[in-house]
């Protein structure tokens, strides 16, 4: 009889600990992967009109661009699905608030820090750090791989990208004109 009380007490304690853990990792806000197509043509025309060789993408535009890429890569591992993201630019880094669902029932929100690298024709976001509620998480658990965006495929054939840089909360793309060259 005494063992039964201990066993029941242990079960109640385990269930309470699981409930507290689920409550603790629950997302504080709702994120999504809804993205609108980034229209570069009007920005390029404005750039030509002002005789500039640089295009600036704001943080919201970068957010839309990356959400569009991630929307096609929702399944991170067999048990882990990406359900939302929000990106911020800061000092050559991209900070992402992400929401995932584990095993179709446990929702959590985490933070991932990416380093942005320009390797023509791709802007690559290389994951460097992952955290859930301030606790470091091994990136292997999340199935994180670099995210690549082909910026040049959105441009006319005569325009090439020379350099990409983050300055403050903007992404600056500097162009070259390619006369007689193909991609």
Protein backbone atom coordinates (compact mmCIF):
# COMPACT_ATOMS: atom_id res chain seq x y z
CA UNK A 1 0.00 0.00 0.00
CA UNK A 2 2.81 2.36 0.85
CA UNK A 3 4.49 1.67 -2.52
CA UNK A 4 1.27 2.46 -4.31
CA UNK A 5 1.11 5.90 -2.67
CA UNK A 6 4.72 6.59 -3.67
CA UNK A 7 4.03 5.42 -7.22
CA UNK A 8 0.92 7.61 -7.55
CA UNK A 9 2.81 10.56 -6.06
CA UNK A 10 5.62 10.05 -8.57
CA UNK A 11 3.14 9.91 -11.49
CA UNK A 12 1.41 13.12 -10.32
CA UNK A 13 4.78 14.85 -9.96
CA UNK A 14 5.91 13.71 -13.44
CA UNK A 15 2.67 14.91 -15.04
CA UNK A 16 2.97 18.27 -13.25
CA UNK A 17 6.60 18.64 -14.40
CA UNK A 18 5.59 17.90 -18.01
CA UNK A 19 2.75 20.44 -17.83
CA UNK A 20 5.09 23.12 -16.47
CA UNK A 21 7.66 22.36 -19.22
CA UNK A 22 5.00 22.62 -21.96
CA UNK A 23 3.76 25.90 -20.50
CA UNK A 24 7.34 27.25 -20.20
CA UNK A 25 8.34 26.60 -23.83
CA UNK A 26 5.01 27.73 -25.30
CA UNK A 27 5.42 30.62 -27.80
CA UNK A 28 4.72 34.10 -26.43
CA UNK A 29 3.52 35.48 -29.79
CA UNK A 30 2.20 34.04 -33.03
CA UNK A 31 4.58 33.98 -36.01
CA UNK A 32 3.92 32.77 -39.55
CA UNK A 33 5.67 32.10 -42.85
CA UNK A 34 3.27 34.16 -44.97
CA UNK A 35 5.33 36.21 -47.39
CA UNK A 36 4.65 38.53 -50.27
CA UNK A 37 6.83 38.32 -53.38
CA UNK A 38 9.60 40.89 -53.21
CA UNK A 39 9.28 43.20 -56.23
CA UNK A 40 12.75 44.43 -57.18
CA UNK A 41 11.78 46.01 -60.54
CA UNK A 42 10.41 49.29 -59.08
CA UNK A 43 13.45 49.63 -56.83
CA UNK A 44 15.78 48.97 -59.76
CA UNK A 45 14.00 51.57 -61.91
CA UNK A 46 14.31 54.12 -59.11
CA UNK A 47 17.99 53.22 -58.77
CA UNK A 48 18.56 53.79 -62.51
CA UNK A 49 16.58 57.04 -62.42
CA UNK A 50 18.86 58.38 -59.68
CA UNK A 51 22.01 56.93 -61.34
CA UNK A 52 22.93 54.81 -58.36
CA UNK A 53 24.62 51.41 -58.33
CA UNK A 54 23.28 50.40 -54.94
CA UNK A 55 19.95 48.94 -53.89
CA UNK A 56 18.81 49.01 -50.28
CA UNK A 57 16.48 46.38 -48.84
CA UNK A 58 14.83 47.30 -45.57
CA UNK A 59 14.47 44.86 -42.70
CA UNK A 60 10.79 44.15 -43.55
CA UNK A 61 11.78 43.40 -47.17
CA UNK A 62 14.54 41.02 -46.04
CA UNK A 63 12.02 39.43 -43.66
CA UNK A 64 9.60 38.80 -46.56
CA UNK A 65 12.38 37.45 -48.79
CA UNK A 66 13.58 34.94 -46.20
CA UNK A 67 10.08 33.88 -45.15
CA UNK A 68 9.40 33.06 -48.79
CA UNK A 69 12.48 30.83 -48.93
CA UNK A 70 11.70 29.10 -45.62
CA UNK A 71 8.06 28.46 -46.53
CA UNK A 72 9.30 25.76 -48.91
CA UNK A 73 11.58 24.26 -46.23
CA UNK A 74 9.16 23.82 -43.34
CA UNK A 75 10.14 20.25 -42.43
CA UNK A 76 13.44 20.65 -40.51
CA UNK A 77 13.65 17.04 -39.28
CA UNK A 78 11.12 14.19 -39.47
CA UNK A 79 9.64 15.32 -36.13
CA UNK A 80 10.27 19.07 -36.29
CA UNK A 81 8.21 21.48 -38.42
CA UNK A 82 8.87 25.21 -38.82
CA UNK A 83 5.62 27.17 -38.44
CA UNK A 84 6.77 30.79 -38.25
CA UNK A 85 9.69 33.19 -38.35
CA UNK A 86 10.58 36.85 -37.95
CA UNK A 87 13.99 38.24 -38.91
CA UNK A 88 16.04 41.22 -37.72
CA UNK A 89 19.30 42.54 -39.16
CA UNK A 90 22.13 43.58 -36.85
CA UNK A 91 25.90 43.90 -37.35
CA UNK A 92 26.52 41.35 -40.14
CA UNK A 93 24.17 38.99 -38.35
CA UNK A 94 20.62 37.95 -38.93
CA UNK A 95 18.59 37.21 -35.82
CA UNK A 96 15.57 34.99 -36.28
CA UNK A 97 12.72 34.36 -33.89
CA UNK A 98 11.33 30.99 -35.02
CA UNK A 99 8.41 28.84 -34.00
CA UNK A 100 8.45 25.09 -34.41
CA UNK A 101 6.17 22.17 -33.63
CA UNK A 102 7.73 18.96 -32.35
CA UNK A 103 5.96 15.66 -33.07
CA UNK A 104 2.80 17.52 -34.12
CA UNK A 105 1.93 18.59 -30.57
CA UNK A 106 4.66 20.54 -28.72
CA UNK A 107 4.97 24.16 -29.87
CA UNK A 108 7.96 26.27 -28.92
CA UNK A 109 9.69 29.47 -29.90
CA UNK A 110 13.43 29.90 -30.20
CA UNK A 111 16.08 32.29 -31.43
CA UNK A 112 18.64 31.51 -34.12
CA UNK A 113 21.57 33.73 -35.01
CA UNK A 114 22.84 33.52 -38.59
CA UNK A 115 25.98 34.97 -40.15
CA UNK A 116 25.32 36.39 -43.62
CA UNK A 117 27.83 35.50 -46.34
CA UNK A 118 27.81 36.69 -49.95
CA UNK A 119 28.99 33.89 -52.26
CA UNK A 120 27.85 34.82 -55.78
CA UNK A 121 25.08 34.32 -56.76
CA UNK A 122 23.87 33.36 -53.29
CA UNK A 123 23.30 35.30 -50.12
CA UNK A 124 23.80 32.55 -47.55
CA UNK A 125 22.61 32.64 -43.93
CA UNK A 126 24.85 30.28 -41.94
CA UNK A 127 23.42 29.26 -38.55
CA UNK A 128 25.76 30.00 -35.65
CA UNK A 129 23.68 29.73 -32.50
CA UNK A 130 20.29 28.41 -31.41
CA UNK A 131 18.44 29.05 -28.15
CA UNK A 132 15.10 28.17 -26.63
CA UNK A 133 14.08 30.36 -23.70
CA UNK A 134 17.69 31.43 -23.27
CA UNK A 135 19.05 27.88 -23.16
CA UNK A 136 21.55 26.86 -25.84
CA UNK A 137 20.31 24.08 -28.12
CA UNK A 138 22.59 21.92 -30.30
CA UNK A 139 21.92 22.89 -33.91
CA UNK A 140 21.89 19.21 -34.92
CA UNK A 141 18.67 18.81 -32.94
CA UNK A 142 17.00 21.42 -35.11
CA UNK A 143 18.33 20.15 -38.43
CA UNK A 144 19.62 23.63 -39.24
CA UNK A 145 21.38 24.05 -42.55
CA UNK A 146 22.49 27.21 -44.33
CA UNK A 147 19.67 29.11 -46.06
CA UNK A 148 20.54 30.30 -49.55
CA UNK A 149 18.79 33.00 -51.57
CA UNK A 150 19.78 33.49 -55.21
CA UNK A 151 19.62 37.27 -55.56
CA UNK A 152 20.90 37.36 -59.13
CA UNK A 153 18.02 35.28 -60.52
CA UNK A 154 15.72 38.20 -59.73
CA UNK A 155 17.81 40.62 -61.83
CA UNK A 156 18.09 41.42 -65.54
CA UNK A 157 20.91 39.62 -67.42
CA UNK A 158 23.01 42.79 -67.75
CA UNK A 159 23.13 43.41 -64.00
CA UNK A 160 25.45 41.57 -61.61
CA UNK A 161 25.97 41.90 -57.89
CA UNK A 162 29.38 43.14 -56.77
CA UNK A 163 28.88 43.23 -53.00
CA UNK A 164 26.28 42.68 -50.30
CA UNK A 165 26.57 44.29 -46.85
CA UNK A 166 24.47 44.87 -43.77
CA UNK A 167 24.50 48.41 -42.48
CA UNK A 168 22.27 48.99 -39.49
CA UNK A 169 18.87 47.49 -40.27
CA UNK A 170 19.31 47.52 -44.03
CA UNK A 171 20.81 45.19 -46.59
CA UNK A 172 22.84 47.07 -49.22
CA UNK A 173 23.39 45.44 -52.61
CA UNK A 174 26.00 47.03 -54.88
CA UNK A 175 25.79 46.28 -58.60
CA UNK A 176 28.00 45.95 -61.65
CA UNK A 177 26.90 46.27 -65.28
CA UNK A 178 27.80 43.24 -67.41
CA UNK A 179 28.14 44.20 -71.05
CA UNK A 180 28.44 41.23 -73.39
CA UNK A 181 28.61 38.72 -70.53
CA UNK A 182 26.20 35.95 -69.69
CA UNK A 183 25.57 34.34 -66.37
